[in-house]
């Protein structure tokens, strides 16, 4: 089993005529990871069952439900759902300090968590299907409500397999520099839809992805 850092009934279908800008951005964000060495597509192929731990923060709980609703419109046939016991979960969201996150949930993320206000950590199979993971937002240090919401949205979205950041689009959820974006841009939504189309499969190389994108 591998790990990497940076979380319907019908499959997602492609809209006609994605622009070259969308295709280029997809390759930049989806192939490889911000911290890992992989250069292949990774994605969930089973439902993502989310359990929330740590501080009880009603505003973030509400925001999480909103994000899940938005993503479930984009990632079919995979679905996200909240569960209310650890035994049911395959993805954990933690609100609190980096030390508590690494002590209670993901010790393997320790060298990254201490220098990031938020991060995700996922595990995937030899076939590059993500099968479990976690993320955290450092609510002990970050108190600004919109920044907390942004970090929650960004890390949860990247845990889907869109693992890189970019300097290209300032309003994008994947923007490399400091951001408080709390909505997906049009191009963000297209990237999520492309990744979860049945045409993009776990384990695809950049060359294979380019071949698929050329048909769109």
C-alpha atoms as a PDB file:
ATOM      1  CA  UNK A   1       0.000   0.000   0.000  1.00  0.00           C
ATOM      2  CA  UNK A   2       1.299   3.433  -0.885  1.00  0.00           C
ATOM      3  CA  UNK A   3       0.712   6.793   0.697  1.00  0.00           C
ATOM      4  CA  UNK A   4       0.903  10.347  -0.460  1.00  0.00           C
ATOM      5  CA  UNK A   5       0.383  13.787   1.007  1.00  0.00           C
ATOM      6  CA  UNK A   6      -0.594  17.029  -0.190  1.00  0.00           C
ATOM      7  CA  UNK A   7      -9.629  13.344   0.944  1.00  0.00           C
ATOM      8  CA  UNK A   8     -24.526   8.732  -7.503  1.00  0.00           C
ATOM      9  CA  UNK A   9     -25.717   6.100  -9.705  1.00  0.00           C
ATOM     10  CA  UNK A  10     -24.451   7.196 -13.098  1.00  0.00           C
ATOM     11  CA  UNK A  11     -20.899   7.976 -14.134  1.00  0.00           C
ATOM     12  CA  UNK A  12     -19.691  11.468 -14.896  1.00  0.00           C
ATOM     13  CA  UNK A  13     -19.709  12.297 -18.588  1.00  0.00           C
ATOM     14  CA  UNK A  14     -17.678  14.884 -20.420  1.00  0.00           C
ATOM     15  CA  UNK A  15     -19.030  18.127 -21.717  1.00  0.00           C
ATOM     16  CA  UNK A  16     -18.031  18.738 -25.298  1.00  0.00           C
ATOM     17  CA  UNK A  17     -14.997  20.784 -26.133  1.00  0.00           C
ATOM     18  CA  UNK A  18     -12.866  21.384 -23.060  1.00  0.00           C
ATOM     19  CA  UNK A  19     -10.498  24.255 -23.756  1.00  0.00           C
ATOM     20  CA  UNK A  20      -6.746  23.797 -23.970  1.00  0.00           C
ATOM     21  CA  UNK A  21      -6.487  25.850 -20.758  1.00  0.00           C
ATOM     22  CA  UNK A  22      -8.677  23.358 -18.869  1.00  0.00           C
ATOM     23  CA  UNK A  23      -6.715  20.389 -20.214  1.00  0.00           C
ATOM     24  CA  UNK A  24      -3.391  21.962 -19.329  1.00  0.00           C
ATOM     25  CA  UNK A  25      -4.570  22.844 -15.831  1.00  0.00           C
ATOM     26  CA  UNK A  26      -5.883  19.324 -15.298  1.00  0.00           C
ATOM     27  CA  UNK A  27      -2.487  17.833 -16.094  1.00  0.00           C
ATOM     28  CA  UNK A  28      -0.782  20.301 -13.773  1.00  0.00           C
ATOM     29  CA  UNK A  29      -3.099  19.593 -10.834  1.00  0.00           C
ATOM     30  CA  UNK A  30      -3.976  15.908 -11.254  1.00  0.00           C
ATOM     31  CA  UNK A  31      -0.773  14.173 -12.333  1.00  0.00           C
ATOM     32  CA  UNK A  32       1.531  13.682  -9.373  1.00  0.00           C
ATOM     33  CA  UNK A  33       1.393  15.291  -5.952  1.00  0.00           C
ATOM     34  CA  UNK A  34       2.657  18.355  -4.155  1.00  0.00           C
ATOM     35  CA  UNK A  35       4.870  16.405  -1.745  1.00  0.00           C
ATOM     36  CA  UNK A  36       4.957  12.854  -3.106  1.00  0.00           C
ATOM     37  CA  UNK A  37       6.933  11.446  -6.026  1.00  0.00           C
ATOM     38  CA  UNK A  38       4.111   9.763  -7.924  1.00  0.00           C
ATOM     39  CA  UNK A  39       3.407  10.801 -11.494  1.00  0.00           C
ATOM     40  CA  UNK A  40       0.226   8.835 -12.076  1.00  0.00           C
ATOM     41  CA  UNK A  41      -3.476   9.435 -11.604  1.00  0.00           C
ATOM     42  CA  UNK A  42      -4.827   8.463  -8.198  1.00  0.00           C
ATOM     43  CA  UNK A  43      -8.509   8.707  -7.296  1.00  0.00           C
ATOM     44  CA  UNK A  44     -11.232   7.151  -5.178  1.00  0.00           C
ATOM     45  CA  UNK A  45     -13.115   4.269  -6.766  1.00  0.00           C
ATOM     46  CA  UNK A  46     -15.300   3.591  -3.740  1.00  0.00           C
ATOM     47  CA  UNK A  47     -17.441   5.869  -1.608  1.00  0.00           C
ATOM     48  CA  UNK A  48     -15.651   8.240   0.729  1.00  0.00           C
ATOM     49  CA  UNK A  49     -17.028   7.852   4.261  1.00  0.00           C
ATOM     50  CA  UNK A  50     -16.066  10.818   6.414  1.00  0.00           C
ATOM     51  CA  UNK A  51     -15.816  10.971  10.193  1.00  0.00           C
ATOM     52  CA  UNK A  52     -15.106  14.306  11.906  1.00  0.00           C
ATOM     53  CA  UNK A  53     -12.902  14.473  14.998  1.00  0.00           C
ATOM     54  CA  UNK A  54     -11.348  17.123  17.228  1.00  0.00           C
ATOM     55  CA  UNK A  55     -12.855  20.497  18.105  1.00  0.00           C
ATOM     56  CA  UNK A  56     -16.589  20.936  17.672  1.00  0.00           C
ATOM     57  CA  UNK A  57     -16.926  23.945  15.368  1.00  0.00           C
ATOM     58  CA  UNK A  58     -20.501  24.370  14.076  1.00  0.00           C
ATOM     59  CA  UNK A  59     -19.509  26.750  11.259  1.00  0.00           C
ATOM     60  CA  UNK A  60     -17.049  24.212   9.855  1.00  0.00           C
ATOM     61  CA  UNK A  61     -19.533  21.363  10.253  1.00  0.00           C
ATOM     62  CA  UNK A  62     -22.033  23.371   8.203  1.00  0.00           C
ATOM     63  CA  UNK A  63     -19.386  24.223   5.625  1.00  0.00           C
ATOM     64  CA  UNK A  64     -18.368  20.579   5.352  1.00  0.00           C
ATOM     65  CA  UNK A  65     -21.940  19.551   4.600  1.00  0.00           C
ATOM     66  CA  UNK A  66     -22.083  22.241   1.916  1.00  0.00           C
ATOM     67  CA  UNK A  67     -18.838  21.083   0.300  1.00  0.00           C
ATOM     68  CA  UNK A  68     -19.943  17.452   0.331  1.00  0.00           C
ATOM     69  CA  UNK A  69     -23.172  18.426  -1.416  1.00  0.00           C
ATOM     70  CA  UNK A  70     -21.267  20.304  -4.112  1.00  0.00           C
ATOM     71  CA  UNK A  71     -18.744  17.532  -4.665  1.00  0.00           C
ATOM     72  CA  UNK A  72     -21.381  14.832  -4.911  1.00  0.00           C
ATOM     73  CA  UNK A  73     -22.680  16.618  -8.002  1.00  0.00           C
ATOM     74  CA  UNK A  74     -19.227  16.342  -9.588  1.00  0.00           C
ATOM     75  CA  UNK A  75     -17.758  12.951  -8.632  1.00  0.00           C
ATOM     76  CA  UNK A  76     -20.498  10.457  -9.499  1.00  0.00           C
ATOM     77  CA  UNK A  77     -20.583   7.445  -9.313  1.00  0.00           C
ATOM     78  CA  UNK A  78     -18.365   7.864  -6.235  1.00  0.00           C
ATOM     79  CA  UNK A  79     -20.102   9.561  -3.332  1.00  0.00           C
ATOM     80  CA  UNK A  80     -19.016  11.331  -0.181  1.00  0.00           C
ATOM     81  CA  UNK A  81     -21.034  10.836   2.960  1.00  0.00           C
ATOM     82  CA  UNK A  82     -20.595  11.605   6.625  1.00  0.00           C
ATOM     83  CA  UNK A  83     -20.649   8.717   9.054  1.00  0.00           C
ATOM     84  CA  UNK A  84     -20.933   8.909  12.797  1.00  0.00           C
ATOM     85  CA  UNK A  85     -18.618   6.180  14.016  1.00  0.00           C
ATOM     86  CA  UNK A  86     -14.912   5.652  13.417  1.00  0.00           C
ATOM     87  CA  UNK A  87     -15.525   2.045  12.458  1.00  0.00           C
ATOM     88  CA  UNK A  88     -17.576   3.112   9.433  1.00  0.00           C
ATOM     89  CA  UNK A  89     -15.081   5.674   8.171  1.00  0.00           C
ATOM     90  CA  UNK A  90     -12.348   5.513   5.567  1.00  0.00           C
ATOM     91  CA  UNK A  91     -11.517   9.237   5.782  1.00  0.00           C
ATOM     92  CA  UNK A  92     -11.060  11.353   8.907  1.00  0.00           C
ATOM     93  CA  UNK A  93     -11.294  15.139   9.185  1.00  0.00           C
ATOM     94  CA  UNK A  94      -9.645  16.631  12.253  1.00  0.00           C
ATOM     95  CA  UNK A  95     -10.077  20.153  13.625  1.00  0.00           C
ATOM     96  CA  UNK A  96      -7.411  21.087  16.158  1.00  0.00           C
ATOM     97  CA  UNK A  97      -3.638  21.263  16.541  1.00  0.00           C
ATOM     98  CA  UNK A  98      -1.081  19.553  14.331  1.00  0.00           C
ATOM     99  CA  UNK A  99       0.246  17.599  17.314  1.00  0.00           C
ATOM    100  CA  UNK A 100      -3.180  16.229  18.178  1.00  0.00           C
ATOM    101  CA  UNK A 101      -3.780  15.294  14.529  1.00  0.00           C
ATOM    102  CA  UNK A 102      -0.535  13.363  14.230  1.00  0.00           C
ATOM    103  CA  UNK A 103      -0.872  11.773  17.672  1.00  0.00           C
ATOM    104  CA  UNK A 104      -4.494  10.691  17.297  1.00  0.00           C
ATOM    105  CA  UNK A 105      -4.926  10.071  13.583  1.00  0.00           C
ATOM    106  CA  UNK A 106      -1.891  10.141  11.291  1.00  0.00           C
ATOM    107  CA  UNK A 107       1.603   9.871  12.791  1.00  0.00           C
ATOM    108  CA  UNK A 108       3.086   9.432   9.306  1.00  0.00           C
ATOM    109  CA  UNK A 109       2.183  13.054   8.528  1.00  0.00           C
ATOM    110  CA  UNK A 110       4.211  14.473  11.402  1.00  0.00           C
ATOM    111  CA  UNK A 111       7.042  16.009   9.372  1.00  0.00           C
ATOM    112  CA  UNK A 112       4.535  17.845   7.163  1.00  0.00           C
ATOM    113  CA  UNK A 113       1.820  18.794   9.645  1.00  0.00           C
ATOM    114  CA  UNK A 114       4.011  20.946  11.854  1.00  0.00           C
ATOM    115  CA  UNK A 115       4.728  23.370   9.008  1.00  0.00           C
ATOM    116  CA  UNK A 116       1.277  23.474   7.385  1.00  0.00           C
ATOM    117  CA  UNK A 117      -1.951  25.006   8.662  1.00  0.00           C
ATOM    118  CA  UNK A 118      -3.819  22.226   6.887  1.00  0.00           C
ATOM    119  CA  UNK A 119      -2.978  19.101   4.943  1.00  0.00           C
ATOM    120  CA  UNK A 120      -4.332  15.794   3.706  1.00  0.00           C
ATOM    121  CA  UNK A 121      -2.736  12.357   3.807  1.00  0.00           C
ATOM    122  CA  UNK A 122      -4.112   9.482   1.748  1.00  0.00           C
ATOM    123  CA  UNK A 123      -3.229   5.859   1.129  1.00  0.00           C
ATOM    124  CA  UNK A 124      -3.737   4.095  -2.153  1.00  0.00           C
ATOM    125  CA  UNK A 125      -3.523   0.564  -3.503  1.00  0.00           C
ATOM    126  CA  UNK A 126      -0.937  -0.756  -5.985  1.00  0.00           C
ATOM    127  CA  UNK A 127      -3.604   0.001  -8.617  1.00  0.00           C
ATOM    128  CA  UNK A 128      -3.570   3.681  -7.535  1.00  0.00           C
ATOM    129  CA  UNK A 129      -7.084   3.682  -6.094  1.00  0.00           C
ATOM    130  CA  UNK A 130      -7.291   5.737  -2.904  1.00  0.00           C
ATOM    131  CA  UNK A 131      -8.762   3.592  -0.157  1.00  0.00           C
ATOM    132  CA  UNK A 132      -8.340   5.632   3.025  1.00  0.00           C
ATOM    133  CA  UNK A 133      -6.953   8.871   4.375  1.00  0.00           C
ATOM    134  CA  UNK A 134      -7.358  11.916   6.559  1.00  0.00           C
ATOM    135  CA  UNK A 135      -6.926  15.681   6.677  1.00  0.00           C
ATOM    136  CA  UNK A 136      -6.708  18.388   9.275  1.00  0.00           C
ATOM    137  CA  UNK A 137      -7.232  22.108   9.691  1.00  0.00           C
ATOM    138  CA  UNK A 138      -5.174  23.724  12.429  1.00  0.00           C
ATOM    139  CA  UNK A 139      -7.996  25.503  14.197  1.00  0.00           C
ATOM    140  CA  UNK A 140      -5.740  26.080  17.200  1.00  0.00           C
ATOM    141  CA  UNK A 141      -3.634  28.537  15.191  1.00  0.00           C
ATOM    142  CA  UNK A 142      -6.012  29.684  12.455  1.00  0.00           C
ATOM    143  CA  UNK A 143      -8.996  31.599  13.826  1.00  0.00           C
ATOM    144  CA  UNK A 144     -10.195  33.508  10.715  1.00  0.00           C
ATOM    145  CA  UNK A 145     -13.524  31.902   9.698  1.00  0.00           C
ATOM    146  CA  UNK A 146     -13.119  32.292   5.921  1.00  0.00           C
ATOM    147  CA  UNK A 147      -9.565  30.981   5.969  1.00  0.00           C
ATOM    148  CA  UNK A 148     -10.694  27.942   7.942  1.00  0.00           C
ATOM    149  CA  UNK A 149     -13.424  27.324   5.369  1.00  0.00           C
ATOM    150  CA  UNK A 150     -10.962  27.717   2.527  1.00  0.00           C
ATOM    151  CA  UNK A 151      -8.512  25.261   4.048  1.00  0.00           C
ATOM    152  CA  UNK A 152     -11.258  22.705   4.627  1.00  0.00           C
ATOM    153  CA  UNK A 153     -12.427  22.968   1.014  1.00  0.00           C
ATOM    154  CA  UNK A 154      -8.934  22.918  -0.458  1.00  0.00           C
ATOM    155  CA  UNK A 155      -7.607  19.916   1.439  1.00  0.00           C
ATOM    156  CA  UNK A 156     -10.767  17.848   1.057  1.00  0.00           C
ATOM    157  CA  UNK A 157     -10.777  18.523  -2.683  1.00  0.00           C
ATOM    158  CA  UNK A 158      -7.109  17.674  -3.044  1.00  0.00           C
ATOM    159  CA  UNK A 159      -7.706  14.419  -1.164  1.00  0.00           C
ATOM    160  CA  UNK A 160      -9.872  13.360  -4.109  1.00  0.00           C
ATOM    161  CA  UNK A 161      -6.682  13.050  -6.173  1.00  0.00           C
ATOM    162  CA  UNK A 162      -6.192  16.641  -7.355  1.00  0.00           C
ATOM    163  CA  UNK A 163      -3.055  16.940  -5.322  1.00  0.00           C
ATOM    164  CA  UNK A 164      -1.013  19.793  -6.739  1.00  0.00           C
ATOM    165  CA  UNK A 165      -1.102  23.546  -6.221  1.00  0.00           C
ATOM    166  CA  UNK A 166      -0.545  26.138  -8.945  1.00  0.00           C
ATOM    167  CA  UNK A 167       0.253  29.828  -9.383  1.00  0.00           C
ATOM    168  CA  UNK A 168      -1.904  29.997 -12.498  1.00  0.00           C
ATOM    169  CA  UNK A 169      -5.404  31.055 -11.344  1.00  0.00           C
ATOM    170  CA  UNK A 170      -5.682  33.314  -8.318  1.00  0.00           C
ATOM    171  CA  UNK A 171      -9.344  32.456  -7.603  1.00  0.00           C
ATOM    172  CA  UNK A 172      -8.875  28.701  -7.966  1.00  0.00           C
ATOM    173  CA  UNK A 173      -9.120  26.457  -4.929  1.00  0.00           C
ATOM    174  CA  UNK A 174      -5.742  25.061  -6.036  1.00  0.00           C
ATOM    175  CA  UNK A 175      -3.955  28.426  -5.962  1.00  0.00           C
ATOM    176  CA  UNK A 176      -0.466  28.064  -4.508  1.00  0.00           C
ATOM    177  CA  UNK A 177      -0.269  31.309  -2.539  1.00  0.00           C
ATOM    178  CA  UNK A 178      -2.400  32.479   0.384  1.00  0.00           C
ATOM    179  CA  UNK A 179      -6.100  32.439  -0.427  1.00  0.00           C
ATOM    180  CA  UNK A 180      -9.483  32.702   1.230  1.00  0.00           C
ATOM    181  CA  UNK A 181     -11.461  31.267  -1.692  1.00  0.00           C
ATOM    182  CA  UNK A 182     -14.546  29.473  -0.395  1.00  0.00           C
ATOM    183  CA  UNK A 183     -16.161  28.618  -3.730  1.00  0.00           C
ATOM    184  CA  UNK A 184     -15.122  26.513  -6.691  1.00  0.00           C
ATOM    185  CA  UNK A 185     -14.406  28.363  -9.899  1.00  0.00           C
ATOM    186  CA  UNK A 186     -15.751  27.042 -13.177  1.00  0.00           C
ATOM    187  CA  UNK A 187     -12.371  25.565 -14.038  1.00  0.00           C
ATOM    188  CA  UNK A 188     -12.118  23.886 -10.619  1.00  0.00           C
ATOM    189  CA  UNK A 189     -15.418  22.116 -11.234  1.00  0.00           C
ATOM    190  CA  UNK A 190     -14.262  20.954 -14.657  1.00  0.00           C
ATOM    191  CA  UNK A 191     -11.090  19.468 -13.210  1.00  0.00           C
ATOM    192  CA  UNK A 192     -13.063  17.513 -10.616  1.00  0.00           C
ATOM    193  CA  UNK A 193     -15.482  16.246 -13.264  1.00  0.00           C
ATOM    194  CA  UNK A 194     -12.668  15.183 -15.579  1.00  0.00           C
ATOM    195  CA  UNK A 195     -10.871  13.245 -12.836  1.00  0.00           C
ATOM    196  CA  UNK A 196     -14.048  11.383 -11.895  1.00  0.00           C
ATOM    197  CA  UNK A 197     -15.098  10.599 -15.420  1.00  0.00           C
ATOM    198  CA  UNK A 198     -14.883   6.923 -16.310  1.00  0.00           C
ATOM    199  CA  UNK A 199     -12.397   7.894 -19.034  1.00  0.00           C
ATOM    200  CA  UNK A 200      -9.735   8.786 -16.478  1.00  0.00           C
ATOM    201  CA  UNK A 201      -8.559   5.692 -14.637  1.00  0.00           C
ATOM    202  CA  UNK A 202      -6.317   5.218 -11.612  1.00  0.00           C
ATOM    203  CA  UNK A 203      -2.725   4.511 -12.579  1.00  0.00           C
ATOM    204  CA  UNK A 204      -2.771   6.466 -15.834  1.00  0.00           C
ATOM    205  CA  UNK A 205       0.506   8.132 -16.726  1.00  0.00           C
ATOM    206  CA  UNK A 206       0.782  11.691 -17.985  1.00  0.00           C
ATOM    207  CA  UNK A 207       1.112  10.378 -21.537  1.00  0.00           C
ATOM    208  CA  UNK A 208      -2.054   8.305 -21.194  1.00  0.00           C
ATOM    209  CA  UNK A 209      -3.904  11.288 -19.726  1.00  0.00           C
ATOM    210  CA  UNK A 210      -2.778  13.450 -22.636  1.00  0.00           C
ATOM    211  CA  UNK A 211      -4.126  10.876 -25.083  1.00  0.00           C
ATOM    212  CA  UNK A 212      -7.545  10.981 -23.416  1.00  0.00           C
ATOM    213  CA  UNK A 213      -7.604  14.763 -23.169  1.00  0.00           C
ATOM    214  CA  UNK A 214      -6.806  15.032 -26.873  1.00  0.00           C
ATOM    215  CA  UNK A 215     -10.170  13.412 -27.638  1.00  0.00           C
ATOM    216  CA  UNK A 216     -12.172  15.934 -25.644  1.00  0.00           C
END
